[in-house]
Protein backbone atom coordinates (compact mmCIF):
# COMPACT_ATOMS: atom_id res chain seq x y z
CA MET A 1 171.88 -20.61 91.17
CA ALA A 2 171.30 -21.70 94.77
CA LYS A 3 173.18 -24.65 96.19
CA TYR A 4 171.20 -27.59 97.61
CA ILE A 5 172.48 -29.75 100.46
CA PHE A 6 170.45 -32.89 101.18
CA VAL A 7 170.96 -34.35 104.65
CA VAL A 8 169.94 -38.00 105.04
CA GLY A 9 170.27 -40.48 107.89
CA GLY A 10 171.95 -43.86 108.12
CA VAL A 11 171.77 -46.84 110.53
CA MET A 12 169.23 -45.41 112.99
CA SER A 13 166.95 -42.45 113.64
CA GLY A 14 167.36 -39.88 116.39
CA ILE A 15 171.09 -39.31 115.86
CA GLY A 16 170.83 -35.59 115.17
CA LYS A 17 170.05 -34.90 111.51
CA GLY A 18 168.14 -31.76 112.51
CA ILE A 19 170.98 -30.44 114.66
CA THR A 20 173.47 -31.37 111.92
CA THR A 21 171.43 -29.50 109.31
CA SER A 22 171.09 -26.48 111.60
CA SER A 23 174.79 -26.48 112.47
CA ILE A 24 175.90 -26.64 108.84
CA GLY A 25 173.56 -23.70 108.23
CA VAL A 26 175.28 -21.73 111.03
CA ILE A 27 178.72 -22.44 109.55
CA LEU A 28 177.62 -21.27 106.09
CA GLN A 29 175.91 -18.18 107.54
CA ASN A 30 179.12 -17.28 109.28
CA LYS A 31 180.96 -17.53 105.99
CA GLY A 32 178.68 -14.82 104.64
CA PHE A 33 175.96 -16.83 102.90
CA LYS A 34 172.19 -16.62 103.24
CA VAL A 35 170.80 -19.97 104.39
CA THR A 36 167.39 -21.53 104.83
CA ALA A 37 166.31 -25.08 105.66
CA ILE A 38 163.54 -27.47 104.62
CA LYS A 39 162.29 -30.47 106.62
CA ILE A 40 160.75 -33.42 104.78
CA ASP A 41 158.67 -35.78 106.93
CA PRO A 42 157.89 -39.11 105.27
CA TYR A 43 154.54 -39.47 107.07
CA ILE A 44 151.19 -39.71 105.29
CA ASN A 45 149.96 -37.08 107.80
CA VAL A 46 149.38 -33.79 105.99
CA ASP A 47 151.09 -31.96 108.87
CA ALA A 48 152.35 -32.75 112.36
CA GLY A 49 149.30 -31.29 114.13
CA THR A 50 147.49 -34.59 114.67
CA MET A 51 150.55 -36.56 115.79
CA ASN A 52 150.96 -37.78 119.36
CA PRO A 53 153.87 -35.84 120.98
CA VAL A 54 155.00 -38.96 122.88
CA GLU A 55 155.41 -40.80 119.57
CA HIS A 56 156.57 -37.96 117.32
CA GLY A 57 157.91 -35.29 119.66
CA GLU A 58 156.83 -31.68 119.95
CA VAL A 59 154.59 -30.04 117.38
CA PHE A 60 156.28 -26.76 116.44
CA VAL A 61 154.28 -23.82 115.03
CA THR A 62 155.57 -21.18 112.60
CA ASP A 63 154.55 -17.52 112.38
CA ASP A 64 152.30 -18.28 109.40
CA GLY A 65 150.58 -21.09 111.28
CA VAL A 66 151.81 -24.46 110.03
CA GLU A 67 152.03 -27.29 112.58
CA CYS A 68 155.34 -28.97 111.83
CA ASP A 69 158.18 -31.16 113.01
CA GLN A 70 160.37 -29.99 115.92
CA ASP A 71 163.37 -29.78 113.56
CA ILE A 72 161.88 -26.56 112.15
CA GLY A 73 162.31 -25.19 115.68
CA SER A 74 165.97 -26.24 115.64
CA TYR A 75 166.49 -24.44 112.33
CA GLU A 76 164.96 -21.25 113.76
CA ARG A 77 167.02 -21.41 116.95
CA PHE A 78 170.34 -22.03 115.21
CA LEU A 79 169.86 -19.82 112.17
CA ASN A 80 168.23 -17.08 114.29
CA ARG A 81 165.58 -16.48 111.64
CA ASP A 82 161.93 -17.38 111.09
CA ILE A 83 161.11 -20.42 108.96
CA TYR A 84 157.77 -20.52 107.15
CA SER A 85 155.19 -23.10 106.05
CA ASP A 86 156.71 -23.64 102.59
CA ASN A 87 159.82 -25.06 104.31
CA TYR A 88 157.93 -28.08 105.62
CA MET A 89 156.49 -30.97 103.63
CA THR A 90 155.14 -34.44 104.30
CA THR A 91 154.26 -37.37 102.06
CA GLY A 92 150.59 -36.63 102.74
CA MET A 93 151.00 -32.99 101.77
CA VAL A 94 152.73 -33.89 98.49
CA TYR A 95 150.23 -36.58 97.50
CA GLU A 96 147.31 -34.34 98.41
CA THR A 97 148.61 -31.63 96.07
CA VAL A 98 149.23 -34.04 93.17
CA ILE A 99 145.78 -35.61 93.53
CA LYS A 100 144.10 -32.17 93.61
CA ARG A 101 146.00 -31.12 90.49
CA GLU A 102 144.94 -34.31 88.73
CA ARG A 103 141.30 -33.71 89.69
CA ASN A 104 141.59 -30.18 88.29
CA LEU A 105 142.92 -31.50 84.94
CA GLU A 106 146.24 -29.74 85.47
CA TYR A 107 148.13 -32.68 83.98
CA ASP A 108 146.35 -32.24 80.62
CA GLY A 109 144.84 -35.72 80.63
CA ARG A 110 148.15 -37.57 81.04
CA CYS A 111 148.39 -40.64 83.27
CA VAL A 112 149.55 -39.41 86.66
CA GLU A 113 152.13 -41.76 88.15
CA VAL A 114 154.06 -42.00 91.40
CA VAL A 115 157.28 -41.47 89.39
CA PRO A 116 157.92 -38.89 88.06
CA HIS A 117 154.96 -36.80 89.29
CA ILE A 118 155.51 -37.16 93.05
CA PRO A 119 159.27 -36.35 92.85
CA ASP A 120 158.46 -33.49 90.47
CA GLU A 121 156.08 -32.02 93.04
CA ILE A 122 158.77 -32.33 95.71
CA ILE A 123 161.24 -30.49 93.47
CA ARG A 124 158.61 -27.83 92.70
CA ARG A 125 158.21 -27.19 96.43
CA ILE A 126 161.99 -26.97 96.92
CA ARG A 127 162.26 -24.46 94.06
CA LYS A 128 159.45 -22.40 95.58
CA VAL A 129 161.43 -22.07 98.82
CA THR A 130 164.50 -21.13 96.78
CA LYS A 131 162.60 -18.36 95.00
CA ASN A 132 160.89 -16.97 98.11
CA SER A 133 163.89 -17.14 100.45
CA LYS A 134 166.50 -15.93 97.93
CA ALA A 135 168.95 -18.07 99.91
CA ASP A 136 172.39 -19.08 98.68
CA PHE A 137 172.14 -22.47 100.36
CA ILE A 138 168.99 -24.57 100.77
CA MET A 139 169.47 -27.23 103.44
CA ILE A 140 167.04 -30.13 102.93
CA GLU A 141 166.69 -32.70 105.69
CA ILE A 142 164.98 -35.95 104.65
CA GLY A 143 163.37 -37.61 107.67
CA GLY A 144 163.89 -41.25 108.57
CA THR A 145 166.75 -43.52 107.61
CA VAL A 146 168.00 -44.67 104.20
CA GLY A 147 166.53 -48.05 103.35
CA GLU A 148 163.08 -47.22 104.70
CA TYR A 149 160.29 -47.50 102.16
CA GLN A 150 158.74 -44.20 103.29
CA ASN A 151 161.47 -41.86 102.09
CA LEU A 152 162.33 -43.50 98.75
CA LEU A 153 160.41 -40.92 96.72
CA PHE A 154 162.19 -38.05 98.44
CA LEU A 155 165.54 -39.66 97.68
CA GLU A 156 164.37 -40.04 94.07
CA ALA A 157 163.55 -36.32 93.95
CA ALA A 158 167.02 -35.55 95.31
CA ARG A 159 168.59 -37.82 92.68
CA MET A 160 166.62 -36.13 89.89
CA LEU A 161 167.61 -32.64 91.09
CA HIS A 162 171.25 -33.72 91.20
CA LEU A 163 170.97 -35.14 87.69
CA ARG A 164 169.75 -31.76 86.42
CA HIS A 165 172.21 -29.65 88.46
CA PRO A 166 175.23 -31.84 89.38
CA GLN A 167 177.40 -28.84 90.39
CA ASP A 168 174.76 -27.42 92.71
CA VAL A 169 173.65 -30.44 94.76
CA LEU A 170 175.52 -32.08 97.66
CA PHE A 171 174.59 -35.14 99.72
CA ILE A 172 175.52 -35.47 103.38
CA LEU A 173 174.93 -38.76 105.20
CA VAL A 174 174.59 -38.61 108.99
CA SER A 175 175.38 -42.15 110.11
CA TYR A 176 175.91 -43.87 113.44
CA LEU A 177 179.05 -45.80 114.36
CA PRO A 178 178.33 -48.00 117.39
CA VAL A 179 180.88 -48.98 120.03
CA PRO A 180 179.47 -52.29 121.36
CA LYS A 181 180.27 -52.66 125.03
CA MET A 182 181.24 -56.32 124.72
CA ILE A 183 183.71 -55.51 121.91
CA GLY A 184 184.98 -52.09 122.94
CA GLU A 185 185.74 -51.09 119.34
CA MET A 186 184.02 -48.61 117.04
CA LYS A 187 182.38 -50.46 114.14
CA THR A 188 182.08 -48.98 110.63
CA LYS A 189 180.15 -51.82 108.96
CA PRO A 190 176.63 -50.40 109.64
CA THR A 191 177.68 -47.14 107.95
CA GLN A 192 179.12 -49.07 105.01
CA TYR A 193 175.75 -50.77 104.56
CA ALA A 194 173.95 -47.42 104.85
CA VAL A 195 176.12 -45.99 102.05
CA ARG A 196 175.46 -49.03 99.84
CA THR A 197 171.71 -48.62 100.46
CA LEU A 198 171.99 -44.96 99.49
CA ASN A 199 173.95 -45.99 96.38
CA SER A 200 171.08 -48.31 95.42
CA ALA A 201 168.86 -45.19 95.28
CA GLY A 202 171.33 -43.67 92.81
CA ILE A 203 173.00 -41.37 95.34
CA GLN A 204 176.63 -41.22 96.46
CA PRO A 205 177.26 -39.17 99.61
CA ASP A 206 179.78 -36.34 99.28
CA ILE A 207 180.33 -36.04 103.03
CA ILE A 208 179.71 -38.45 105.92
CA ILE A 209 178.99 -37.09 109.40
CA ALA A 210 180.17 -39.90 111.67
CA ARG A 211 178.02 -39.87 114.82
CA SER A 212 179.27 -41.89 117.76
CA GLN A 213 179.82 -41.85 121.50
CA VAL A 214 183.45 -40.79 121.03
CA PRO A 215 185.49 -38.92 118.39
CA LEU A 216 186.42 -40.80 115.23
CA ASP A 217 190.04 -41.96 115.01
CA GLU A 218 192.26 -42.10 111.93
CA PRO A 219 191.94 -45.88 111.26
CA ARG A 220 188.12 -45.56 111.21
CA LYS A 221 188.30 -42.51 108.92
CA ARG A 222 190.53 -44.42 106.49
CA LYS A 223 188.21 -47.42 106.55
CA ILE A 224 185.10 -45.34 105.82
CA SER A 225 186.99 -43.50 103.09
CA LEU A 226 188.05 -46.75 101.43
CA PHE A 227 184.77 -48.66 101.60
CA CYS A 228 182.38 -45.72 101.15
CA ASN A 229 184.22 -44.16 98.20
CA ILE A 230 184.84 -40.70 99.66
CA ASP A 231 187.91 -38.65 100.56
CA LYS A 232 189.19 -39.14 104.13
CA ASP A 233 188.83 -35.40 104.76
CA ASP A 234 185.12 -35.71 103.94
CA VAL A 235 184.55 -37.97 106.95
CA ILE A 236 183.56 -35.58 109.76
CA SER A 237 183.78 -36.68 113.39
CA ALA A 238 180.63 -35.97 115.43
CA PRO A 239 180.98 -37.38 118.96
CA ASP A 240 178.34 -37.07 121.68
CA ILE A 241 178.56 -33.72 123.44
CA ASP A 242 176.80 -32.12 126.39
CA PHE A 243 175.53 -29.04 124.54
CA ILE A 244 174.07 -29.08 121.02
CA TYR A 245 175.17 -25.47 120.42
CA GLU A 246 178.77 -26.69 120.35
CA VAL A 247 178.10 -28.81 117.23
CA PRO A 248 178.99 -26.06 114.70
CA ILE A 249 182.27 -25.47 116.55
CA ASN A 250 183.04 -29.20 116.53
CA PHE A 251 182.29 -29.50 112.80
CA GLU A 252 184.68 -26.68 112.03
CA LYS A 253 187.48 -28.60 113.77
CA ASP A 254 187.28 -30.91 110.73
CA ASN A 255 186.99 -27.90 108.40
CA LEU A 256 183.49 -28.88 107.27
CA GLY A 257 182.56 -25.41 105.99
CA GLN A 258 185.54 -25.22 103.67
CA ARG A 259 184.90 -28.77 102.39
CA ILE A 260 181.37 -27.73 101.40
CA LEU A 261 182.54 -24.51 99.73
CA SER A 262 185.23 -26.30 97.74
CA LYS A 263 182.70 -28.84 96.48
CA THR A 264 180.32 -26.07 95.39
CA ASN A 265 183.07 -23.93 93.84
CA LEU A 266 182.48 -21.04 96.25
CA ARG A 267 184.69 -18.91 98.45
CA SER A 268 183.94 -17.58 101.90
CA ARG A 269 182.50 -14.06 101.86
CA LYS A 270 183.94 -13.34 105.30
CA LYS A 271 187.47 -13.52 106.66
CA GLY A 272 188.13 -15.84 109.59
CA LYS A 273 185.94 -18.62 110.94
CA GLY A 274 183.27 -16.24 112.16
CA LEU A 275 181.93 -18.38 115.04
CA LYS A 276 182.86 -15.86 117.75
CA ARG A 277 179.33 -15.50 119.16
CA TRP A 278 178.95 -19.28 119.41
CA ASN A 279 182.33 -19.63 121.12
CA ASN A 280 181.33 -16.92 123.61
CA LEU A 281 178.02 -18.70 124.22
CA MET A 282 179.86 -21.95 124.98
CA LYS A 283 182.15 -20.16 127.46
CA THR A 284 179.05 -18.89 129.27
CA ILE A 285 177.39 -22.31 129.24
CA LYS A 286 180.45 -24.11 130.55
CA ASN A 287 181.24 -21.60 133.31
CA PRO A 288 177.96 -20.99 135.17
CA LYS A 289 177.75 -19.00 138.37
CA GLU A 290 175.39 -21.50 140.02
CA GLU A 291 172.65 -24.07 139.36
CA LEU A 292 168.95 -23.35 139.06
CA ASN A 293 166.31 -26.04 139.64
CA ILE A 294 163.30 -25.73 137.34
CA GLY A 295 160.35 -28.13 137.38
CA ILE A 296 158.24 -28.95 134.33
CA VAL A 297 154.84 -30.36 135.30
CA GLY A 298 153.45 -32.30 132.34
CA LYS A 299 152.17 -35.64 131.14
CA TYR A 300 153.97 -36.31 127.85
CA PHE A 301 157.04 -37.85 129.50
CA ASP A 302 156.77 -41.59 129.61
CA THR A 303 157.30 -43.91 126.65
CA GLY A 304 157.67 -47.38 128.14
CA ASP A 305 160.58 -47.28 130.58
CA PHE A 306 162.00 -44.09 129.08
CA THR A 307 161.47 -40.34 129.44
CA LEU A 308 160.83 -38.48 126.19
CA ALA A 309 162.05 -34.91 126.62
CA ASP A 310 161.32 -34.17 122.94
CA SER A 311 157.65 -33.58 123.78
CA TYR A 312 158.65 -30.25 125.35
CA ILE A 313 161.86 -29.49 123.44
CA SER A 314 161.11 -25.78 122.78
CA VAL A 315 160.25 -25.21 126.43
CA ILE A 316 163.46 -26.93 127.52
CA GLU A 317 165.58 -24.89 125.12
CA ALA A 318 163.87 -21.63 126.13
CA ILE A 319 164.67 -22.39 129.79
CA LYS A 320 168.30 -23.06 128.88
CA HIS A 321 168.61 -19.88 126.80
CA ALA A 322 167.27 -17.73 129.64
CA CYS A 323 169.38 -19.46 132.29
CA TRP A 324 172.55 -19.00 130.26
CA HIS A 325 171.63 -15.35 129.72
CA HIS A 326 171.78 -14.97 133.53
CA GLY A 327 174.91 -17.14 133.87
CA GLN A 328 172.99 -20.06 135.42
CA ALA A 329 173.19 -23.82 134.82
CA PRO A 330 169.63 -25.14 134.38
CA VAL A 331 168.73 -28.38 136.17
CA ILE A 332 165.38 -29.55 134.80
CA HIS A 333 163.13 -31.81 136.89
CA TRP A 334 160.44 -33.86 135.14
CA LEU A 335 157.27 -33.91 137.25
CA SER A 336 154.45 -36.17 136.09
CA SER A 337 151.17 -34.44 136.98
CA GLU A 338 149.44 -37.80 137.43
CA LYS A 339 151.33 -38.24 140.72
CA TYR A 340 149.40 -35.33 142.20
CA HIS A 341 145.97 -36.57 141.13
CA LEU A 342 145.65 -38.75 144.21
CA ALA A 343 143.98 -38.73 147.60
CA LYS A 344 144.40 -35.32 149.21
CA GLY A 345 147.05 -36.18 151.80
CA GLU A 346 149.24 -38.24 149.46
CA ALA A 347 149.05 -35.64 146.69
CA ARG A 348 150.05 -32.88 149.12
CA LYS A 349 152.99 -34.98 150.31
CA ASN A 350 154.14 -35.56 146.71
CA LEU A 351 153.81 -31.86 145.88
CA LYS A 352 155.84 -30.74 148.88
CA LYS A 353 158.51 -33.35 148.16
CA ASP A 354 158.81 -32.57 144.44
CA LEU A 355 158.26 -28.81 144.36
CA GLY A 356 159.70 -27.88 147.74
CA ASN A 357 163.32 -27.76 146.59
CA LEU A 358 162.69 -26.11 143.22
CA ASP A 359 163.41 -22.50 142.29
CA GLY A 360 160.53 -22.24 139.79
CA VAL A 361 157.89 -24.28 138.00
CA ILE A 362 156.46 -24.33 134.48
CA VAL A 363 153.21 -25.93 133.34
CA PRO A 364 153.41 -26.26 129.53
CA GLY A 365 150.74 -26.86 126.90
CA GLY A 366 148.76 -30.05 126.40
CA PHE A 367 145.37 -31.52 125.62
CA GLY A 368 142.83 -33.82 127.26
CA THR A 369 141.84 -34.87 130.75
CA ARG A 370 144.78 -37.03 131.84
CA GLY A 371 146.84 -35.40 134.57
CA THR A 372 144.79 -32.19 134.56
CA GLU A 373 143.78 -32.15 138.23
CA GLY A 374 147.39 -32.86 139.18
CA LYS A 375 148.54 -29.82 137.21
CA ILE A 376 145.92 -27.66 138.93
CA LYS A 377 147.18 -28.85 142.35
CA ALA A 378 150.76 -28.01 141.34
CA ILE A 379 149.68 -24.52 140.22
CA GLU A 380 147.85 -23.97 143.52
CA TRP A 381 151.00 -25.04 145.42
CA ALA A 382 153.16 -22.60 143.44
CA ARG A 383 150.68 -19.76 144.00
CA ARG A 384 150.28 -20.33 147.74
CA ASN A 385 153.99 -20.90 148.37
CA LYS A 386 155.12 -17.89 146.33
CA MET A 387 157.11 -19.99 143.88
CA PRO A 388 157.81 -18.39 140.46
CA PHE A 389 155.34 -19.87 137.99
CA LEU A 390 155.00 -19.71 134.22
CA GLY A 391 151.95 -21.26 132.54
CA LEU A 392 152.00 -21.82 128.80
CA CYS A 393 148.75 -22.19 126.82
CA TYR A 394 146.94 -24.99 128.68
CA GLY A 395 149.08 -24.10 131.70
CA MET A 396 147.61 -20.59 131.62
CA GLN A 397 144.07 -21.96 131.29
CA LEU A 398 144.54 -24.27 134.28
CA ALA A 399 145.90 -21.34 136.31
CA VAL A 400 142.64 -19.49 135.58
CA ILE A 401 140.65 -22.56 136.69
CA GLU A 402 142.65 -22.84 139.91
CA TRP A 403 142.09 -19.14 140.67
CA ALA A 404 138.38 -19.41 139.91
CA ARG A 405 137.92 -22.42 142.17
CA ASN A 406 140.08 -21.45 145.14
CA VAL A 407 140.06 -17.64 145.17
CA CYS A 408 136.78 -16.73 143.48
CA LYS A 409 135.05 -19.72 145.15
CA LEU A 410 133.43 -20.86 141.91
CA LYS A 411 133.15 -24.50 142.93
CA GLY A 412 133.65 -26.88 140.02
CA ALA A 413 134.92 -24.19 137.64
CA HIS A 414 136.48 -25.84 134.62
CA THR A 415 137.19 -25.78 130.91
CA THR A 416 134.49 -27.02 128.57
CA GLU A 417 137.18 -29.06 126.86
CA ILE A 418 136.90 -31.43 129.84
CA ASN A 419 133.53 -30.68 131.41
CA ARG A 420 130.93 -29.33 128.99
CA ARG A 421 128.32 -29.11 131.75
CA THR A 422 130.38 -27.14 134.28
CA LYS A 423 128.40 -24.41 136.00
CA TYR A 424 131.39 -22.06 135.66
CA PRO A 425 133.02 -22.47 132.21
CA VAL A 426 135.87 -20.02 132.88
CA ILE A 427 137.66 -21.52 129.87
CA ASP A 428 135.45 -22.04 126.82
CA VAL A 429 135.83 -22.98 123.19
CA LEU A 430 136.34 -20.25 120.60
CA PRO A 431 133.05 -19.73 118.70
CA GLU A 432 134.50 -20.67 115.30
CA GLN A 433 135.88 -23.92 116.76
CA LYS A 434 132.46 -25.33 117.68
CA ILE A 435 131.75 -26.35 114.08
CA ASN A 436 135.21 -27.94 113.71
CA ILE A 437 134.72 -30.00 116.88
CA ARG A 438 131.18 -31.03 115.92
CA GLU A 439 132.32 -32.14 112.47
CA LYS A 440 135.55 -33.70 113.82
CA ASN A 441 137.56 -31.39 111.60
CA PHE A 442 140.71 -31.38 113.71
CA GLY A 443 143.57 -31.01 111.21
CA ALA A 444 145.09 -27.49 110.98
CA THR A 445 141.90 -25.87 112.32
CA MET A 446 143.07 -24.48 115.66
CA ARG A 447 143.94 -20.82 116.19
CA LEU A 448 147.42 -21.10 114.73
CA GLY A 449 150.36 -18.81 114.10
CA ALA A 450 151.27 -15.27 115.14
CA TYR A 451 148.67 -12.84 116.50
CA PRO A 452 149.10 -9.35 117.99
CA CYS A 453 148.84 -8.67 121.72
CA GLN A 454 148.67 -5.35 123.59
CA LEU A 455 150.33 -5.26 127.00
CA VAL A 456 149.12 -3.31 130.00
CA LYS A 457 151.77 -0.91 131.30
CA GLY A 458 153.07 -1.62 134.78
CA THR A 459 152.61 -5.39 134.51
CA ARG A 460 155.30 -8.04 134.77
CA SER A 461 154.88 -8.81 131.09
CA TYR A 462 155.33 -5.17 130.07
CA LYS A 463 158.47 -5.04 132.19
CA ALA A 464 159.78 -8.12 130.36
CA TYR A 465 159.01 -7.00 126.81
CA LYS A 466 159.62 -3.27 127.41
CA LYS A 467 156.98 -2.38 124.80
CA THR A 468 153.21 -2.31 124.44
CA ASN A 469 152.61 -4.17 121.17
CA ILE A 470 153.94 -7.70 120.68
CA SER A 471 153.26 -10.66 118.40
CA GLU A 472 153.33 -14.28 119.58
CA ARG A 473 152.45 -17.73 118.21
CA HIS A 474 149.33 -19.66 119.16
CA ARG A 475 148.01 -23.22 119.00
CA HIS A 476 144.69 -23.69 120.77
CA ARG A 477 140.90 -24.00 120.49
CA TYR A 478 139.89 -22.75 123.95
CA GLU A 479 140.14 -19.30 125.56
CA LEU A 480 139.49 -17.46 128.80
CA ASN A 481 135.74 -16.87 128.87
CA ASN A 482 135.17 -13.09 128.93
CA LYS A 483 131.88 -13.62 130.80
CA PHE A 484 133.96 -14.38 133.91
CA ARG A 485 136.64 -11.79 133.29
CA LYS A 486 135.37 -9.15 135.74
CA GLU A 487 134.82 -11.73 138.47
CA LEU A 488 138.40 -12.97 138.09
CA GLU A 489 139.76 -9.39 138.03
CA ASP A 490 137.76 -8.36 141.09
CA LYS A 491 139.63 -10.98 143.12
CA GLY A 492 143.02 -9.72 141.91
CA MET A 493 143.81 -11.48 138.66
CA VAL A 494 145.41 -9.08 136.16
CA MET A 495 144.60 -9.36 132.45
CA ALA A 496 148.05 -8.20 131.36
CA GLY A 497 147.82 -8.83 127.62
CA ILE A 498 144.85 -8.56 125.26
CA ASN A 499 144.40 -9.41 121.60
CA PRO A 500 143.10 -6.08 120.21
CA GLU A 501 141.23 -7.62 117.26
CA ARG A 502 138.90 -9.84 119.29
CA ASP A 503 139.38 -8.71 122.90
CA LEU A 504 140.78 -12.10 123.89
CA VAL A 505 142.87 -12.42 127.05
CA GLU A 506 146.41 -13.46 126.09
CA ILE A 507 148.27 -13.03 129.41
CA ILE A 508 147.16 -13.34 133.03
CA GLU A 509 149.16 -12.34 136.10
CA ILE A 510 148.74 -12.29 139.86
CA LYS A 511 149.89 -9.41 142.05
CA LYS A 512 151.85 -9.78 145.31
CA HIS A 513 153.69 -12.79 143.97
CA PRO A 514 157.38 -13.10 142.96
CA PHE A 515 156.32 -14.17 139.44
CA PHE A 516 152.99 -15.69 138.44
CA VAL A 517 152.33 -15.35 134.70
CA GLY A 518 150.27 -17.40 132.26
CA THR A 519 150.25 -16.94 128.49
CA GLN A 520 147.66 -18.23 126.04
CA PHE A 521 150.39 -18.19 123.40
CA HIS A 522 153.65 -20.17 123.19
CA PRO A 523 156.60 -17.83 123.86
CA GLU A 524 158.98 -20.79 123.79
CA PHE A 525 158.66 -21.00 119.99
CA LYS A 526 160.47 -17.67 119.59
CA SER A 527 163.38 -18.19 121.96
CA ARG A 528 166.87 -18.43 120.44
CA PRO A 529 170.24 -19.25 122.11
CA LEU A 530 171.68 -15.91 120.98
CA ASN A 531 168.41 -14.09 121.71
CA PRO A 532 166.50 -15.59 124.68
CA HIS A 533 162.80 -14.83 125.00
CA SER A 534 161.89 -11.86 127.20
CA LEU A 535 159.31 -13.67 129.35
CA PHE A 536 161.62 -16.61 130.02
CA ARG A 537 164.41 -14.20 130.93
CA GLU A 538 162.13 -12.46 133.44
CA PHE A 539 160.89 -15.78 134.83
CA ILE A 540 164.45 -17.05 135.35
CA LYS A 541 165.41 -13.75 136.96
CA ALA A 542 162.61 -14.29 139.50
CA CYS A 543 163.77 -17.89 140.03
CA ILE A 544 167.29 -16.67 140.85
CA THR A 545 165.87 -14.32 143.49
CA SER A 546 163.72 -17.17 144.84
CA SER A 547 166.76 -19.48 144.95
CA ARG A 548 168.79 -17.00 146.97
CA SER A 549 165.94 -16.42 149.41
CA HIS A 550 165.87 -20.10 150.43
């Protein structure tokens, strides 16, 4: 029988339930157990594909093509294994399934009710993951915060599963303990209320992860133990840290792994703590040779007066992984492309000021018209000034447009996503997507998931991967238009990677440049801290050379 660990949040969102879930998974893996993780999003959306990244954060894509929450990316990075579509569910997904089953008379004419049929469907999905993954531990993160209406049915499913298998289900509450500046003392009362709210759903936490600015002290541990009805040793200190990959190490300082095993009547299958690779990684991270300045030119940054890095979380992590691989400390600069979409002189001044002191620049994926011309200007600057450049998905498409306009002299060249009447549609919609766009069928209809790509020997990309056949993840509706392929190649653009099934260009490069590569796919989705992605490693290597040259 697999063991189920439900991770729920208390007091406020955004305190690291996904990282907590991933870190617990790492600890259990290193004790010899097979682990997988499930993310439950309480949204009515059927998947994350139609959500605004500024509001929700990055949309992550799995090998089998589901558009999901960024926490699935955290699970993959920490556990160093692929997570699949069954491991993600939303309220919309669950309701949609139950309603379809009712329409198909699969409930044998019974009245279909919110309880128990919705929780039963949730449990059915959890059991399906258990069967397919053959994991010893199933980590289940319930999105949101206890007390919110949206996640009540998921808590009810957890309660029902615990009722049926009390020895095999654990509950972990990740709760925030504020330290108000005007008081200067860590307060436990919000966490006490969170536990009482969880109790009202019929659930008593077994372990509390106490998130705060600083480590938890003994008086606070005793207070939480007393008022939240748990053992003092089951209150785990989780202070703010600089590097998320240190979280498993921090948890083990409070012996979290052994607490979980004792509660599930299991013994470690490995001797020792087994976090050697993570300790070595932290030594590398904390002792860099030098700093590297990398610019990300995008538009999903601003939310009011704040910068939302979560919109590009996989890109950020992939940069970090590759920098650490080379012993570098990454310094990431957020560059809003809208600044460069100005009058010619002012835009040029902004570009020189912002990009002039960087060691490399990345233009990530995105949609729509806003900030597009600014991105194209930034790409042109990187190309002309021999700055290492990596374009991802839309970034690759805009690099093609820039080349077409300024090198091939195809004035007004564009993507039909923005200008349907352009004389030179160097980027055009995939044929099968025309019907989806016409019928406004936008949910889960893009080219999604892993597809094969054949690399051309002698290219930068081949040098990075060191093999001819690769597989990478996609999320797009538009492609390089093969009608213009020869014209682009004649002026020196290299089609370095091709999808063999449909002859689609997957990678473009430019010769006589330190590093200028664009990918139609998203390599960032496959980067892991213990296994950085090949293309990012090669890009960072070029950035190091560029840094030393100036």
